[in-house]
C-alpha atoms as a PDB file:
ATOM      1  CA  MET A   1     -38.657 -37.017  81.334  1.00  0.00           C
ATOM      2  CA  GLY A   2     -40.150 -37.702  84.724  1.00  0.00           C
ATOM      3  CA  ILE A   3     -42.768 -35.063  85.519  1.00  0.00           C
ATOM      4  CA  ALA A   4     -41.862 -34.978  89.226  1.00  0.00           C
ATOM      5  CA  ALA A   5     -38.190 -34.371  88.415  1.00  0.00           C
ATOM      6  CA  VAL A   6     -39.085 -31.674  85.883  1.00  0.00           C
ATOM      7  CA  LEU A   7     -41.348 -29.900  88.388  1.00  0.00           C
ATOM      8  CA  GLY A   8     -38.667 -30.157  91.057  1.00  0.00           C
ATOM      9  CA  VAL A   9     -35.995 -28.687  88.788  1.00  0.00           C
ATOM     10  CA  VAL A  10     -38.112 -25.726  87.682  1.00  0.00           C
ATOM     11  CA  SER A  11     -39.822 -25.092  91.042  1.00  0.00           C
ATOM     12  CA  PRO A  12     -37.704 -22.111  92.195  1.00  0.00           C
ATOM     13  CA  PHE A  13     -38.065 -20.054  89.032  1.00  0.00           C
ATOM     14  CA  PRO A  14     -41.768 -19.103  89.353  1.00  0.00           C
ATOM     15  CA  PHE A  15     -41.071 -18.184  92.982  1.00  0.00           C
ATOM     16  CA  TYR A  16     -38.134 -15.928  92.025  1.00  0.00           C
ATOM     17  CA  TYR A  17     -40.157 -14.406  89.174  1.00  0.00           C
ATOM     18  CA  TRP A  18     -43.043 -13.603  91.524  1.00  0.00           C
ATOM     19  CA  LEU A  19     -40.785 -12.059  94.157  1.00  0.00           C
ATOM     20  CA  TRP A  20     -38.882  -9.988  91.620  1.00  0.00           C
ATOM     21  CA  ASN A  21     -42.056  -8.609  90.032  1.00  0.00           C
ATOM     22  CA  SER A  22     -44.297  -8.410  93.116  1.00  0.00           C
ATOM     23  CA  PRO A  23     -42.021  -7.921  96.116  1.00  0.00           C
ATOM     24  CA  GLN A  24     -44.714  -6.065  98.053  1.00  0.00           C
ATOM     25  CA  SER A  25     -47.018  -9.082  98.023  1.00  0.00           C
ATOM     26  CA  TRP A  26     -44.209 -11.205  99.516  1.00  0.00           C
ATOM     27  CA  ALA A  27     -43.392  -8.561 102.115  1.00  0.00           C
ATOM     28  CA  ASN A  28     -47.082  -8.409 103.073  1.00  0.00           C
ATOM     29  CA  LEU A  29     -47.254 -12.196 103.278  1.00  0.00           C
ATOM     30  CA  CYS A  30     -44.198 -12.233 105.541  1.00  0.00           C
ATOM     31  CA  GLY A  31     -45.935  -9.742 107.812  1.00  0.00           C
ATOM     32  CA  LYS A  32     -44.794  -7.153 110.280  1.00  0.00           C
ATOM     33  CA  GLY A  33     -41.468  -7.795 111.954  1.00  0.00           C
ATOM     34  CA  ARG A  34     -40.406 -10.565 109.581  1.00  0.00           C
ATOM     35  CA  ASP A  35     -37.558  -9.878 107.166  1.00  0.00           C
ATOM     36  CA  PRO A  36     -38.760 -10.781 103.641  1.00  0.00           C
ATOM     37  CA  THR A  37     -35.170 -11.291 102.495  1.00  0.00           C
ATOM     38  CA  LYS A  38     -34.479 -13.841 105.212  1.00  0.00           C
ATOM     39  CA  ALA A  39     -37.817 -15.551 104.531  1.00  0.00           C
ATOM     40  CA  MET A  40     -36.963 -15.691 100.817  1.00  0.00           C
ATOM     41  CA  ALA A  41     -33.607 -17.246 101.654  1.00  0.00           C
ATOM     42  CA  HIS A  42     -35.279 -19.966 103.747  1.00  0.00           C
ATOM     43  CA  VAL A  43     -37.781 -20.821 101.008  1.00  0.00           C
ATOM     44  CA  SER A  44     -34.958 -20.755  98.436  1.00  0.00           C
ATOM     45  CA  TYR A  45     -32.889 -23.218 100.486  1.00  0.00           C
ATOM     46  CA  PHE A  46     -35.869 -25.559 100.608  1.00  0.00           C
ATOM     47  CA  LEU A  47     -36.432 -25.233  96.843  1.00  0.00           C
ATOM     48  CA  LYS A  48     -32.719 -25.959  96.232  1.00  0.00           C
ATOM     49  CA  LEU A  49     -33.144 -29.146  98.266  1.00  0.00           C
ATOM     50  CA  ILE A  50     -36.135 -30.098  96.079  1.00  0.00           C
ATOM     51  CA  GLN A  51     -34.013 -29.434  92.980  1.00  0.00           C
ATOM     52  CA  PHE A  52     -31.185 -31.579  94.330  1.00  0.00           C
ATOM     53  CA  ILE A  53     -33.530 -34.469  95.172  1.00  0.00           C
ATOM     54  CA  SER A  54     -35.111 -34.159  91.716  1.00  0.00           C
ATOM     55  CA  LEU A  55     -31.732 -34.334  89.987  1.00  0.00           C
ATOM     56  CA  TYR A  56     -30.620 -37.170  92.227  1.00  0.00           C
ATOM     57  CA  SER A  57     -33.734 -39.138  91.221  1.00  0.00           C
ATOM     58  CA  VAL A  58     -32.617 -39.143  87.571  1.00  0.00           C
ATOM     59  CA  SER A  59     -28.871 -39.397  88.168  1.00  0.00           C
ATOM     60  CA  SER A  60     -26.360 -42.038  87.203  1.00  0.00           C
ATOM     61  CA  PHE A  61     -23.269 -41.515  89.335  1.00  0.00           C
ATOM     62  CA  SER A  62     -19.912 -42.912  88.341  1.00  0.00           C
ATOM     63  CA  TRP A  63     -16.507 -42.243  89.823  1.00  0.00           C
ATOM     64  CA  PRO A  64     -14.145 -40.684  89.005  1.00  0.00           C
ATOM     65  CA  PRO A  65     -15.843 -37.831  87.203  1.00  0.00           C
ATOM     66  CA  PRO A  66     -14.572 -36.746  83.779  1.00  0.00           C
ATOM     67  CA  PHE A  67     -11.545 -34.441  83.551  1.00  0.00           C
ATOM     68  CA  TYR A  68     -13.673 -31.336  82.960  1.00  0.00           C
ATOM     69  CA  PHE A  69     -15.653 -31.788  86.212  1.00  0.00           C
ATOM     70  CA  TRP A  70     -13.134 -30.355  88.691  1.00  0.00           C
ATOM     71  CA  PRO A  71     -12.230 -27.047  86.992  1.00  0.00           C
ATOM     72  CA  LEU A  72     -15.835 -26.282  85.953  1.00  0.00           C
ATOM     73  CA  PHE A  73     -17.344 -27.210  89.302  1.00  0.00           C
ATOM     74  CA  ALA A  74     -14.619 -25.517  91.344  1.00  0.00           C
ATOM     75  CA  PHE A  75     -14.797 -22.248  89.390  1.00  0.00           C
ATOM     76  CA  GLY A  76     -18.602 -22.305  89.360  1.00  0.00           C
ATOM     77  CA  GLN A  77     -18.764 -22.773  93.121  1.00  0.00           C
ATOM     78  CA  PHE A  78     -16.065 -20.163  93.637  1.00  0.00           C
ATOM     79  CA  LEU A  79     -18.252 -17.656  91.772  1.00  0.00           C
ATOM     80  CA  ASN A  80     -21.304 -18.606  93.857  1.00  0.00           C
ATOM     81  CA  PHE A  81     -19.477 -18.327  97.162  1.00  0.00           C
ATOM     82  CA  ARG A  82     -17.768 -15.095  96.133  1.00  0.00           C
ATOM     83  CA  VAL A  83     -21.068 -13.463  95.176  1.00  0.00           C
ATOM     84  CA  TYR A  84     -22.581 -14.477  98.507  1.00  0.00           C
ATOM     85  CA  GLN A  85     -19.462 -13.258 100.323  1.00  0.00           C
ATOM     86  CA  LEU A  86     -19.630  -9.849  98.636  1.00  0.00           C
ATOM     87  CA  LEU A  87     -23.404  -9.308  98.652  1.00  0.00           C
ATOM     88  CA  GLY A  88     -24.410 -11.187 101.753  1.00  0.00           C
ATOM     89  CA  GLU A  89     -27.824 -12.676 102.251  1.00  0.00           C
ATOM     90  CA  ALA A  90     -29.642  -9.367 101.662  1.00  0.00           C
ATOM     91  CA  GLY A  91     -27.874  -8.735  98.357  1.00  0.00           C
ATOM     92  CA  THR A  92     -28.273 -12.292  97.147  1.00  0.00           C
ATOM     93  CA  TYR A  93     -31.935 -12.664  98.104  1.00  0.00           C
ATOM     94  CA  TYR A  94     -33.469  -9.544  96.546  1.00  0.00           C
ATOM     95  CA  GLY A  95     -32.887  -7.200  99.460  1.00  0.00           C
ATOM     96  CA  VAL A  96     -32.995  -4.236  97.078  1.00  0.00           C
ATOM     97  CA  ARG A  97     -36.492  -5.318  96.009  1.00  0.00           C
ATOM     98  CA  PHE A  98     -37.541  -5.288  99.678  1.00  0.00           C
ATOM     99  CA  GLY A  99     -36.304  -1.752 100.322  1.00  0.00           C
ATOM    100  CA  LYS A 100     -32.843  -2.544 101.661  1.00  0.00           C
ATOM    101  CA  THR A 101     -29.842  -0.492 100.640  1.00  0.00           C
ATOM    102  CA  ILE A 102     -27.285  -2.807  99.087  1.00  0.00           C
ATOM    103  CA  PRO A 103     -23.886  -1.259  98.315  1.00  0.00           C
ATOM    104  CA  TRP A 104     -22.736  -1.421  94.719  1.00  0.00           C
ATOM    105  CA  VAL A 105     -19.966  -4.009  94.436  1.00  0.00           C
ATOM    106  CA  THR A 106     -17.182  -3.758  91.864  1.00  0.00           C
ATOM    107  CA  GLU A 107     -14.780  -6.395  93.210  1.00  0.00           C
ATOM    108  CA  PHE A 108     -14.199  -9.590  91.202  1.00  0.00           C
ATOM    109  CA  PRO A 109     -16.238 -11.253  89.801  1.00  0.00           C
ATOM    110  CA  PHE A 110     -18.487  -8.189  89.455  1.00  0.00           C
ATOM    111  CA  GLY A 111     -17.424  -5.924  86.634  1.00  0.00           C
ATOM    112  CA  VAL A 112     -15.726  -8.869  84.928  1.00  0.00           C
ATOM    113  CA  ILE A 113     -18.504 -11.463  84.643  1.00  0.00           C
ATOM    114  CA  ARG A 114     -22.090 -10.421  84.068  1.00  0.00           C
ATOM    115  CA  ASP A 115     -24.432 -12.226  86.487  1.00  0.00           C
ATOM    116  CA  PRO A 116     -21.614 -14.167  88.165  1.00  0.00           C
ATOM    117  CA  GLN A 117     -23.851 -16.180  90.469  1.00  0.00           C
ATOM    118  CA  TYR A 118     -25.932 -17.500  87.576  1.00  0.00           C
ATOM    119  CA  VAL A 119     -22.779 -18.132  85.532  1.00  0.00           C
ATOM    120  CA  GLY A 120     -21.316 -20.038  88.489  1.00  0.00           C
ATOM    121  CA  SER A 121     -24.449 -22.141  88.820  1.00  0.00           C
ATOM    122  CA  ILE A 122     -24.481 -22.908  85.096  1.00  0.00           C
ATOM    123  CA  LEU A 123     -20.804 -23.923  85.140  1.00  0.00           C
ATOM    124  CA  SER A 124     -21.417 -26.180  88.147  1.00  0.00           C
ATOM    125  CA  LEU A 125     -24.335 -27.837  86.362  1.00  0.00           C
ATOM    126  CA  LEU A 126     -22.346 -28.341  83.159  1.00  0.00           C
ATOM    127  CA  ALA A 127     -19.635 -29.993  85.242  1.00  0.00           C
ATOM    128  CA  CYS A 128     -22.199 -32.614  86.263  1.00  0.00           C
ATOM    129  CA  LEU A 129     -23.290 -33.564  82.733  1.00  0.00           C
ATOM    130  CA  SER A 130     -21.860 -37.064  83.107  1.00  0.00           C
ATOM    131  CA  TRP A 131     -24.218 -37.697  86.058  1.00  0.00           C
ATOM    132  CA  PHE A 132     -27.453 -35.979  85.075  1.00  0.00           C
ATOM    133  CA  PRO A 133     -29.414 -36.195  81.812  1.00  0.00           C
ATOM    134  CA  LEU A 134     -28.860 -33.260  79.493  1.00  0.00           C
ATOM    135  CA  GLN A 135     -32.544 -32.304  79.366  1.00  0.00           C
ATOM    136  CA  TYR A 136     -32.580 -31.604  83.123  1.00  0.00           C
ATOM    137  CA  ILE A 137     -29.395 -29.558  82.946  1.00  0.00           C
ATOM    138  CA  LEU A 138     -30.922 -27.601  80.066  1.00  0.00           C
ATOM    139  CA  LEU A 139     -34.082 -26.945  82.132  1.00  0.00           C
ATOM    140  CA  PHE A 140     -31.908 -25.474  84.867  1.00  0.00           C
ATOM    141  CA  ILE A 141     -29.968 -23.355  82.393  1.00  0.00           C
ATOM    142  CA  ILE A 142     -33.157 -22.107  80.729  1.00  0.00           C
ATOM    143  CA  GLY A 143     -34.444 -21.137  84.185  1.00  0.00           C
ATOM    144  CA  TYR A 144     -31.245 -19.233  84.965  1.00  0.00           C
ATOM    145  CA  VAL A 145     -31.207 -17.461  81.589  1.00  0.00           C
ATOM    146  CA  PHE A 146     -34.859 -16.538  82.106  1.00  0.00           C
ATOM    147  CA  MET A 147     -34.077 -15.050  85.530  1.00  0.00           C
ATOM    148  CA  ILE A 148     -31.066 -13.163  84.136  1.00  0.00           C
ATOM    149  CA  HIS A 149     -33.489 -11.574  81.671  1.00  0.00           C
ATOM    150  CA  VAL A 150     -36.131 -10.860  84.351  1.00  0.00           C
ATOM    151  CA  GLU A 151     -33.616  -9.352  86.783  1.00  0.00           C
ATOM    152  CA  SER A 152     -32.069  -7.156  84.090  1.00  0.00           C
ATOM    153  CA  LYS A 153     -35.216  -5.025  84.205  1.00  0.00           C
ATOM    154  CA  GLU A 154     -35.115  -3.251  87.571  1.00  0.00           C
ATOM    155  CA  ASP A 155     -38.246  -1.177  88.118  1.00  0.00           C
ATOM    156  CA  PRO A 156     -37.795   0.939  91.265  1.00  0.00           C
ATOM    157  CA  SER A 157     -41.527   1.724  91.321  1.00  0.00           C
ATOM    158  CA  THR A 158     -42.330  -1.911  92.142  1.00  0.00           C
ATOM    159  CA  ARG A 159     -40.031  -2.152  95.165  1.00  0.00           C
ATOM    160  CA  ALA A 160     -41.675  -3.197  98.408  1.00  0.00           C
ATOM    161  CA  LYS A 161     -42.336  -0.704 101.161  1.00  0.00           C
ATOM    162  CA  PRO A 162     -41.707  -1.733 104.776  1.00  0.00           C
ATOM    163  CA  VAL A 163     -44.678  -3.508 106.350  1.00  0.00           C
ATOM    164  CA  HIS A 164     -45.860  -1.755 109.518  1.00  0.00           C
END
């Protein structure tokens, strides 16, 4: 495995782990008047770009994709978009950890699929198995499973307080 591609694929997970467990340090770093959720979203978009470039660097594209690509990718992306639609940026990017009130959502896929955004991402990655080496897909999946575990332990005492 190429070390640069491996580092690129796993790069977001330490960032998410840090923010989940130490949201106050991120809020302080963002400073007064800057929304830590929005800042997290911007860094996350950049890290997703790094992940995409890393996967692209080890890819072997062929067209048309296998039969399983379209249903897996479409459903996976549907779950991702639906989660973002229902939670918005604040709900998706740890707003609750930064002191924001996020309404509890019960609409589909919530209440039916546990961790639907991570499930959607995993399905989308599995759809691309014919293009990307399995070991990189597995690194992604391990990262997502790790974050599912981390985020399952909500500790209200570690939530960030507003920076004044």
